[in-house]
Amino acid sequence: MTVRIGYAAGAFDLFHVGHLNILRHAKENCDFLIAGVVSDEMLRLVKKVEPVVPCTERAEIVRSISYVDRVHVETVPDKLDTWRELRFTHFFKGDDWRGTEKGARLEQEFAQVGVEVVYFPYTVHTSSTALRRALEVMTATHQRDDDAAPDLVASFG
């Protein structure tokens, strides 16, 4: 019997139920699950995103999830380089990649080395991007309130 080694990669920044769903589904479809946590440097380089939670903390959060057997911090942008190091048999991704150019390229590259790409339903109602936007709005609102406070105090003085 062949052991199914799964790999599910993500930033896992602002950890939410969508992340948990991907890891749960991944574990249901493999014998051993490696969760790839994208490093701060790779997030900046590839996604042009500044992480809210540092990589060491994100890795610790993911490591604590019962579905995860091992955590791997990704420090290279090429998933095939990661595969060469870890030798997983299945690569798990949200179905927002299915049918895209990036998804097709990923499927082709992994097919050449015998890795199956498996898609899971993307949790539409929550995402790190949506949470990041909400934080930006809250921060901007809080900043405006702080800036207005001296005027408010002066008007009552």
N, C-alpha and C. Protein backbone atom coordinates (compact mmCIF):
# COMPACT_ATOMS: atom_id res chain seq x y z
N MET A 1 0.84 -1.18 0.00
CA MET A 1 0.00 0.00 0.00
C MET A 1 0.88 1.25 0.00
N THR A 2 0.59 2.17 -0.90
CA THR A 2 1.35 3.40 -1.01
C THR A 2 0.85 4.43 0.00
N VAL A 3 1.78 5.05 0.68
CA VAL A 3 1.43 6.10 1.64
C VAL A 3 1.17 7.38 0.87
N ARG A 4 0.03 7.98 1.14
CA ARG A 4 -0.34 9.25 0.50
C ARG A 4 0.18 10.39 1.37
N ILE A 5 1.18 11.09 0.85
CA ILE A 5 1.75 12.23 1.57
C ILE A 5 1.21 13.50 0.94
N GLY A 6 0.47 14.25 1.73
CA GLY A 6 -0.16 15.46 1.22
C GLY A 6 0.60 16.71 1.60
N TYR A 7 0.47 17.71 0.74
CA TYR A 7 1.09 19.01 1.01
C TYR A 7 0.07 20.10 0.76
N ALA A 8 -0.19 20.91 1.78
CA ALA A 8 -1.12 22.04 1.66
C ALA A 8 -0.36 23.28 2.08
N ALA A 9 -0.14 24.17 1.13
CA ALA A 9 0.65 25.37 1.41
C ALA A 9 -0.22 26.60 1.49
N GLY A 10 0.21 27.54 2.29
CA GLY A 10 -0.48 28.81 2.39
C GLY A 10 0.27 29.76 3.28
N ALA A 11 -0.17 31.00 3.25
CA ALA A 11 0.42 31.99 4.16
C ALA A 11 -0.06 31.70 5.58
N PHE A 12 -1.33 31.32 5.68
CA PHE A 12 -1.97 31.08 6.97
C PHE A 12 -1.87 32.31 7.87
N ASP A 13 -1.86 33.49 7.23
CA ASP A 13 -1.84 34.75 7.95
C ASP A 13 -3.28 35.07 8.35
N LEU A 14 -3.47 35.63 9.52
CA LEU A 14 -4.82 35.91 10.02
C LEU A 14 -5.66 34.63 9.93
N PHE A 15 -5.18 33.58 10.56
CA PHE A 15 -5.77 32.24 10.45
C PHE A 15 -7.28 32.29 10.65
N HIS A 16 -8.00 31.65 9.74
CA HIS A 16 -9.46 31.66 9.76
C HIS A 16 -10.02 30.30 9.35
N VAL A 17 -11.34 30.18 9.35
CA VAL A 17 -12.00 28.90 9.11
C VAL A 17 -11.70 28.35 7.71
N GLY A 18 -11.45 29.19 6.74
CA GLY A 18 -11.08 28.71 5.41
C GLY A 18 -9.77 27.93 5.45
N HIS A 19 -8.81 28.43 6.23
CA HIS A 19 -7.55 27.71 6.40
C HIS A 19 -7.80 26.36 7.06
N LEU A 20 -8.62 26.38 8.10
CA LEU A 20 -8.93 25.14 8.81
C LEU A 20 -9.61 24.14 7.89
N ASN A 21 -10.54 24.62 7.05
CA ASN A 21 -11.22 23.74 6.11
C ASN A 21 -10.26 23.07 5.14
N ILE A 22 -9.31 23.84 4.60
CA ILE A 22 -8.33 23.26 3.67
C ILE A 22 -7.53 22.17 4.38
N LEU A 23 -7.06 22.45 5.59
CA LEU A 23 -6.25 21.46 6.31
C LEU A 23 -7.07 20.23 6.68
N ARG A 24 -8.33 20.43 7.06
CA ARG A 24 -9.21 19.30 7.39
C ARG A 24 -9.43 18.42 6.16
N HIS A 25 -9.80 19.05 5.04
CA HIS A 25 -10.03 18.29 3.81
C HIS A 25 -8.75 17.57 3.36
N ALA A 26 -7.64 18.26 3.48
CA ALA A 26 -6.36 17.66 3.08
C ALA A 26 -6.08 16.39 3.90
N LYS A 27 -6.24 16.49 5.19
CA LYS A 27 -5.96 15.33 6.06
C LYS A 27 -6.90 14.17 5.75
N GLU A 28 -8.13 14.48 5.36
CA GLU A 28 -9.08 13.43 4.99
C GLU A 28 -8.67 12.71 3.71
N ASN A 29 -7.76 13.31 2.95
CA ASN A 29 -7.37 12.76 1.66
C ASN A 29 -5.91 12.31 1.59
N CYS A 30 -5.30 12.14 2.75
CA CYS A 30 -3.92 11.63 2.75
C CYS A 30 -3.64 10.93 4.07
N ASP A 31 -2.52 10.23 4.10
CA ASP A 31 -2.12 9.53 5.32
C ASP A 31 -1.25 10.41 6.21
N PHE A 32 -0.50 11.31 5.59
CA PHE A 32 0.45 12.17 6.31
C PHE A 32 0.37 13.54 5.68
N LEU A 33 0.06 14.55 6.49
CA LEU A 33 -0.12 15.90 5.95
C LEU A 33 1.01 16.83 6.38
N ILE A 34 1.63 17.42 5.37
CA ILE A 34 2.62 18.47 5.60
C ILE A 34 1.96 19.79 5.24
N ALA A 35 1.96 20.72 6.18
CA ALA A 35 1.43 22.05 5.91
C ALA A 35 2.60 22.98 5.62
N GLY A 36 2.57 23.59 4.45
CA GLY A 36 3.61 24.54 4.07
C GLY A 36 3.20 25.94 4.49
N VAL A 37 4.01 26.57 5.32
CA VAL A 37 3.75 27.94 5.74
C VAL A 37 4.72 28.84 4.97
N VAL A 38 4.17 29.70 4.15
CA VAL A 38 4.99 30.57 3.30
C VAL A 38 5.69 31.60 4.19
N SER A 39 7.00 31.70 4.03
CA SER A 39 7.79 32.62 4.86
C SER A 39 7.43 34.08 4.58
N ASP A 40 7.78 34.93 5.52
CA ASP A 40 7.53 36.36 5.37
C ASP A 40 8.18 36.89 4.09
N GLU A 41 9.42 36.46 3.85
CA GLU A 41 10.16 36.93 2.66
C GLU A 41 9.47 36.51 1.37
N MET A 42 8.96 35.27 1.32
CA MET A 42 8.27 34.81 0.12
C MET A 42 6.94 35.54 -0.07
N LEU A 43 6.25 35.85 1.01
CA LEU A 43 5.00 36.62 0.90
C LEU A 43 5.27 37.99 0.29
N ARG A 44 6.34 38.61 0.75
CA ARG A 44 6.69 39.94 0.21
C ARG A 44 7.10 39.83 -1.25
N LEU A 45 7.90 38.83 -1.58
CA LEU A 45 8.43 38.66 -2.93
C LEU A 45 7.36 38.24 -3.93
N VAL A 46 6.60 37.22 -3.61
CA VAL A 46 5.67 36.61 -4.55
C VAL A 46 4.30 37.29 -4.55
N LYS A 47 3.75 37.52 -3.36
CA LYS A 47 2.40 38.06 -3.27
C LYS A 47 2.36 39.57 -3.05
N LYS A 48 3.53 40.16 -2.78
CA LYS A 48 3.60 41.60 -2.51
C LYS A 48 2.71 41.97 -1.31
N VAL A 49 2.74 41.10 -0.30
CA VAL A 49 1.92 41.27 0.89
C VAL A 49 2.82 41.30 2.12
N GLU A 50 2.54 42.22 3.01
CA GLU A 50 3.23 42.27 4.29
C GLU A 50 2.42 41.44 5.28
N PRO A 51 3.01 40.38 5.84
CA PRO A 51 2.25 39.56 6.78
C PRO A 51 1.90 40.33 8.04
N VAL A 52 0.74 40.04 8.61
CA VAL A 52 0.33 40.63 9.86
C VAL A 52 0.94 39.85 11.02
N VAL A 53 0.90 38.53 10.90
CA VAL A 53 1.45 37.63 11.91
C VAL A 53 2.78 37.09 11.40
N PRO A 54 3.86 37.20 12.19
CA PRO A 54 5.18 36.71 11.74
C PRO A 54 5.17 35.20 11.46
N CYS A 55 6.03 34.78 10.57
CA CYS A 55 6.10 33.38 10.12
C CYS A 55 6.27 32.40 11.29
N THR A 56 7.12 32.70 12.23
CA THR A 56 7.33 31.76 13.34
C THR A 56 6.04 31.52 14.11
N GLU A 57 5.24 32.58 14.27
CA GLU A 57 3.97 32.43 14.98
C GLU A 57 2.94 31.70 14.12
N ARG A 58 2.91 31.99 12.81
CA ARG A 58 1.99 31.29 11.92
C ARG A 58 2.31 29.80 11.89
N ALA A 59 3.60 29.48 11.84
CA ALA A 59 4.00 28.07 11.83
C ALA A 59 3.60 27.37 13.13
N GLU A 60 3.72 28.06 14.25
CA GLU A 60 3.34 27.48 15.54
C GLU A 60 1.83 27.23 15.60
N ILE A 61 1.05 28.18 15.09
CA ILE A 61 -0.41 28.01 15.06
C ILE A 61 -0.77 26.77 14.23
N VAL A 62 -0.21 26.68 13.02
CA VAL A 62 -0.51 25.57 12.12
C VAL A 62 -0.03 24.25 12.71
N ARG A 63 1.14 24.25 13.34
CA ARG A 63 1.70 23.05 13.96
C ARG A 63 0.78 22.51 15.04
N SER A 64 0.00 23.38 15.67
CA SER A 64 -0.87 22.99 16.78
C SER A 64 -2.19 22.37 16.32
N ILE A 65 -2.45 22.38 15.05
CA ILE A 65 -3.71 21.85 14.53
C ILE A 65 -3.59 20.33 14.37
N SER A 66 -4.57 19.62 14.87
CA SER A 66 -4.49 18.16 14.93
C SER A 66 -4.40 17.51 13.54
N TYR A 67 -4.87 18.15 12.50
CA TYR A 67 -4.82 17.56 11.17
C TYR A 67 -3.40 17.55 10.59
N VAL A 68 -2.55 18.39 11.10
CA VAL A 68 -1.21 18.59 10.55
C VAL A 68 -0.20 17.67 11.22
N ASP A 69 0.53 16.91 10.39
CA ASP A 69 1.55 16.01 10.91
C ASP A 69 2.93 16.67 10.96
N ARG A 70 3.14 17.63 10.05
CA ARG A 70 4.44 18.30 9.99
C ARG A 70 4.24 19.68 9.36
N VAL A 71 5.04 20.64 9.79
CA VAL A 71 5.03 21.97 9.19
C VAL A 71 6.36 22.18 8.47
N HIS A 72 6.25 22.75 7.28
CA HIS A 72 7.43 23.10 6.49
C HIS A 72 7.34 24.58 6.15
N VAL A 73 8.36 25.35 6.51
CA VAL A 73 8.36 26.77 6.17
C VAL A 73 8.94 26.90 4.76
N GLU A 74 8.13 27.46 3.86
CA GLU A 74 8.55 27.64 2.46
C GLU A 74 9.43 28.87 2.33
N THR A 75 10.62 28.65 1.79
CA THR A 75 11.55 29.76 1.59
C THR A 75 11.94 29.92 0.12
N VAL A 76 11.31 29.13 -0.75
CA VAL A 76 11.56 29.23 -2.19
C VAL A 76 10.22 29.38 -2.90
N PRO A 77 10.19 30.11 -4.02
CA PRO A 77 8.90 30.34 -4.70
C PRO A 77 8.41 29.18 -5.55
N ASP A 78 9.28 28.27 -5.93
CA ASP A 78 8.94 27.19 -6.84
C ASP A 78 8.46 25.96 -6.07
N LYS A 79 7.20 25.57 -6.30
CA LYS A 79 6.63 24.41 -5.59
C LYS A 79 7.35 23.11 -5.96
N LEU A 80 7.92 23.05 -7.16
CA LEU A 80 8.68 21.84 -7.52
C LEU A 80 9.95 21.72 -6.68
N ASP A 81 10.57 22.84 -6.36
CA ASP A 81 11.72 22.80 -5.46
C ASP A 81 11.30 22.29 -4.09
N THR A 82 10.14 22.70 -3.65
CA THR A 82 9.61 22.21 -2.37
C THR A 82 9.35 20.71 -2.47
N TRP A 83 8.77 20.26 -3.59
CA TRP A 83 8.52 18.84 -3.79
C TRP A 83 9.83 18.04 -3.75
N ARG A 84 10.87 18.56 -4.39
CA ARG A 84 12.17 17.85 -4.40
C ARG A 84 12.69 17.61 -2.99
N GLU A 85 12.37 18.53 -2.10
CA GLU A 85 12.81 18.41 -0.71
C GLU A 85 11.92 17.47 0.09
N LEU A 86 10.60 17.53 -0.14
CA LEU A 86 9.65 16.81 0.72
C LEU A 86 9.08 15.53 0.12
N ARG A 87 9.03 15.44 -1.21
CA ARG A 87 8.53 14.26 -1.93
C ARG A 87 7.09 13.87 -1.58
N PHE A 88 6.20 14.86 -1.54
CA PHE A 88 4.79 14.58 -1.31
C PHE A 88 4.17 13.98 -2.57
N THR A 89 3.06 13.28 -2.39
CA THR A 89 2.38 12.62 -3.52
C THR A 89 1.14 13.37 -3.97
N HIS A 90 0.62 14.24 -3.11
CA HIS A 90 -0.60 14.99 -3.40
C HIS A 90 -0.42 16.45 -2.97
N PHE A 91 -0.84 17.34 -3.83
CA PHE A 91 -0.75 18.77 -3.55
C PHE A 91 -2.17 19.31 -3.45
N PHE A 92 -2.51 19.93 -2.32
CA PHE A 92 -3.86 20.39 -2.09
C PHE A 92 -3.95 21.91 -2.24
N LYS A 93 -5.03 22.32 -2.91
CA LYS A 93 -5.22 23.75 -3.20
C LYS A 93 -6.70 24.07 -3.17
N GLY A 94 -7.04 25.33 -2.88
CA GLY A 94 -8.42 25.77 -2.93
C GLY A 94 -8.90 25.79 -4.38
N ASP A 95 -10.19 25.51 -4.59
CA ASP A 95 -10.69 25.40 -5.97
C ASP A 95 -10.79 26.74 -6.69
N ASP A 96 -10.40 27.83 -6.03
CA ASP A 96 -10.30 29.11 -6.74
C ASP A 96 -9.16 29.07 -7.75
N TRP A 97 -8.28 28.08 -7.66
CA TRP A 97 -7.18 27.90 -8.62
C TRP A 97 -7.60 27.03 -9.81
N ARG A 98 -8.66 26.22 -9.63
CA ARG A 98 -9.09 25.30 -10.69
C ARG A 98 -9.48 26.10 -11.94
N GLY A 99 -8.98 25.66 -13.10
CA GLY A 99 -9.33 26.30 -14.35
C GLY A 99 -8.59 27.60 -14.63
N THR A 100 -7.66 27.98 -13.76
CA THR A 100 -6.88 29.19 -14.01
C THR A 100 -5.57 28.82 -14.70
N GLU A 101 -4.92 29.81 -15.24
CA GLU A 101 -3.62 29.59 -15.87
C GLU A 101 -2.60 29.06 -14.86
N LYS A 102 -2.60 29.65 -13.66
CA LYS A 102 -1.68 29.20 -12.61
C LYS A 102 -1.97 27.76 -12.21
N GLY A 103 -3.26 27.42 -12.10
CA GLY A 103 -3.64 26.07 -11.73
C GLY A 103 -3.24 25.05 -12.79
N ALA A 104 -3.45 25.39 -14.05
CA ALA A 104 -3.09 24.48 -15.15
C ALA A 104 -1.58 24.25 -15.19
N ARG A 105 -0.82 25.32 -14.98
CA ARG A 105 0.65 25.20 -14.97
C ARG A 105 1.10 24.31 -13.81
N LEU A 106 0.48 24.50 -12.65
CA LEU A 106 0.80 23.69 -11.47
C LEU A 106 0.49 22.22 -11.75
N GLU A 107 -0.68 21.95 -12.31
CA GLU A 107 -1.07 20.57 -12.63
C GLU A 107 -0.08 19.93 -13.59
N GLN A 108 0.31 20.66 -14.63
CA GLN A 108 1.27 20.13 -15.62
C GLN A 108 2.61 19.81 -14.99
N GLU A 109 3.14 20.75 -14.22
CA GLU A 109 4.45 20.55 -13.59
C GLU A 109 4.43 19.36 -12.64
N PHE A 110 3.38 19.27 -11.84
CA PHE A 110 3.32 18.17 -10.88
C PHE A 110 3.03 16.83 -11.55
N ALA A 111 2.27 16.83 -12.62
CA ALA A 111 2.00 15.58 -13.34
C ALA A 111 3.30 14.95 -13.83
N GLN A 112 4.26 15.78 -14.20
CA GLN A 112 5.55 15.27 -14.70
C GLN A 112 6.33 14.51 -13.64
N VAL A 113 6.05 14.79 -12.36
CA VAL A 113 6.75 14.08 -11.29
C VAL A 113 5.82 13.16 -10.50
N GLY A 114 4.60 12.95 -11.02
CA GLY A 114 3.68 11.99 -10.42
C GLY A 114 2.89 12.51 -9.22
N VAL A 115 2.79 13.82 -9.08
CA VAL A 115 2.03 14.40 -7.97
C VAL A 115 0.64 14.78 -8.47
N GLU A 116 -0.37 14.36 -7.73
CA GLU A 116 -1.75 14.70 -8.07
C GLU A 116 -2.14 16.00 -7.38
N VAL A 117 -2.70 16.93 -8.15
CA VAL A 117 -3.23 18.17 -7.59
C VAL A 117 -4.70 17.94 -7.26
N VAL A 118 -5.06 18.19 -6.02
CA VAL A 118 -6.43 17.97 -5.55
C VAL A 118 -6.98 19.32 -5.07
N TYR A 119 -8.15 19.67 -5.59
CA TYR A 119 -8.78 20.94 -5.23
C TYR A 119 -9.89 20.72 -4.20
N PHE A 120 -9.99 21.67 -3.27
CA PHE A 120 -11.06 21.65 -2.28
C PHE A 120 -11.86 22.93 -2.39
N PRO A 121 -13.12 22.89 -1.96
CA PRO A 121 -13.95 24.09 -2.03
C PRO A 121 -13.32 25.26 -1.27
N TYR A 122 -13.26 26.38 -1.94
CA TYR A 122 -12.75 27.61 -1.35
C TYR A 122 -13.83 28.18 -0.45
N THR A 123 -13.48 28.57 0.76
CA THR A 123 -14.44 29.14 1.69
C THR A 123 -14.67 30.60 1.31
N VAL A 124 -15.76 30.84 0.59
CA VAL A 124 -16.02 32.14 -0.02
C VAL A 124 -16.27 33.24 1.01
N HIS A 125 -16.96 32.92 2.10
CA HIS A 125 -17.38 33.96 3.02
C HIS A 125 -16.26 34.53 3.90
N THR A 126 -15.06 33.96 3.83
CA THR A 126 -13.95 34.51 4.61
C THR A 126 -12.65 34.30 3.87
N SER A 127 -11.75 35.26 4.01
CA SER A 127 -10.42 35.13 3.41
C SER A 127 -9.49 36.08 4.14
N SER A 128 -8.20 35.82 4.04
CA SER A 128 -7.22 36.71 4.65
C SER A 128 -7.27 38.07 3.99
N THR A 129 -7.54 38.11 2.69
CA THR A 129 -7.64 39.38 1.99
C THR A 129 -8.79 40.21 2.56
N ALA A 130 -9.94 39.58 2.77
CA ALA A 130 -11.09 40.29 3.34
C ALA A 130 -10.79 40.74 4.76
N LEU A 131 -10.13 39.90 5.55
CA LEU A 131 -9.78 40.28 6.92
C LEU A 131 -8.78 41.43 6.92
N ARG A 132 -7.81 41.38 5.98
CA ARG A 132 -6.81 42.44 5.88
C ARG A 132 -7.49 43.77 5.54
N ARG A 133 -8.45 43.74 4.60
CA ARG A 133 -9.19 44.96 4.24
C ARG A 133 -9.98 45.51 5.43
N ALA A 134 -10.61 44.61 6.17
CA ALA A 134 -11.38 45.04 7.33
C ALA A 134 -10.46 45.69 8.37
N LEU A 135 -9.29 45.14 8.57
CA LEU A 135 -8.32 45.73 9.50
C LEU A 135 -7.89 47.12 9.03
N GLU A 136 -7.68 47.26 7.72
CA GLU A 136 -7.27 48.57 7.18
C GLU A 136 -8.37 49.60 7.41
N VAL A 137 -9.62 49.22 7.20
CA VAL A 137 -10.75 50.14 7.42
C VAL A 137 -10.83 50.50 8.90
N MET A 138 -10.71 49.51 9.76
CA MET A 138 -10.77 49.77 11.20
C MET A 138 -9.64 50.68 11.65
N THR A 139 -8.45 50.43 11.13
CA THR A 139 -7.30 51.25 11.49
C THR A 139 -7.48 52.69 11.01
N ALA A 140 -7.96 52.85 9.77
CA ALA A 140 -8.19 54.18 9.23
C ALA A 140 -9.26 54.91 10.04
N THR A 141 -10.33 54.22 10.40
CA THR A 141 -11.41 54.82 11.20
C THR A 141 -10.88 55.23 12.57
N HIS A 142 -10.11 54.34 13.18
CA HIS A 142 -9.54 54.62 14.50
C HIS A 142 -8.60 55.83 14.41
N GLN A 143 -7.82 55.92 13.36
CA GLN A 143 -6.89 57.03 13.17
C GLN A 143 -7.66 58.35 13.03
N ARG A 144 -8.74 58.33 12.25
CA ARG A 144 -9.57 59.53 12.08
C ARG A 144 -10.17 59.95 13.42
N ASP A 145 -10.64 58.97 14.20
CA ASP A 145 -11.21 59.27 15.51
C ASP A 145 -10.16 59.90 16.43
N ASP A 146 -8.94 59.35 16.39
CA ASP A 146 -7.85 59.90 17.21
C ASP A 146 -7.51 61.31 16.78
N ASP A 147 -7.49 61.55 15.46
CA ASP A 147 -7.17 62.88 14.94
C ASP A 147 -8.24 63.89 15.32
N ALA A 148 -9.50 63.46 15.40
CA ALA A 148 -10.61 64.36 15.71
C ALA A 148 -10.74 64.62 17.21
N ALA A 149 -10.17 63.77 18.03
CA ALA A 149 -10.34 63.89 19.48
C ALA A 149 -9.88 65.24 20.03
N PRO A 150 -8.73 65.80 19.65
CA PRO A 150 -8.33 67.11 20.18
C PRO A 150 -9.35 68.20 19.85
N ASP A 151 -9.91 68.17 18.64
CA ASP A 151 -10.93 69.17 18.25
C ASP A 151 -12.16 69.02 19.12
N LEU A 152 -12.53 67.80 19.40
CA LEU A 152 -13.71 67.52 20.22
C LEU A 152 -13.49 68.04 21.64
N VAL A 153 -12.31 67.77 22.19
CA VAL A 153 -11.98 68.22 23.54
C VAL A 153 -11.99 69.76 23.58
N ALA A 154 -11.42 70.41 22.58
CA ALA A 154 -11.35 71.87 22.53
C ALA A 154 -12.75 72.48 22.46
N SER A 155 -13.66 71.81 21.76
CA SER A 155 -15.00 72.37 21.63
C SER A 155 -15.78 72.32 22.94
N PHE A 156 -15.38 71.44 23.86
CA PHE A 156 -16.06 71.37 25.15
C PHE A 156 -15.32 72.19 26.20
N GLY A 157 -14.16 72.77 25.87
CA GLY A 157 -13.32 73.47 26.84
C GLY A 157 -13.71 74.83 27.13
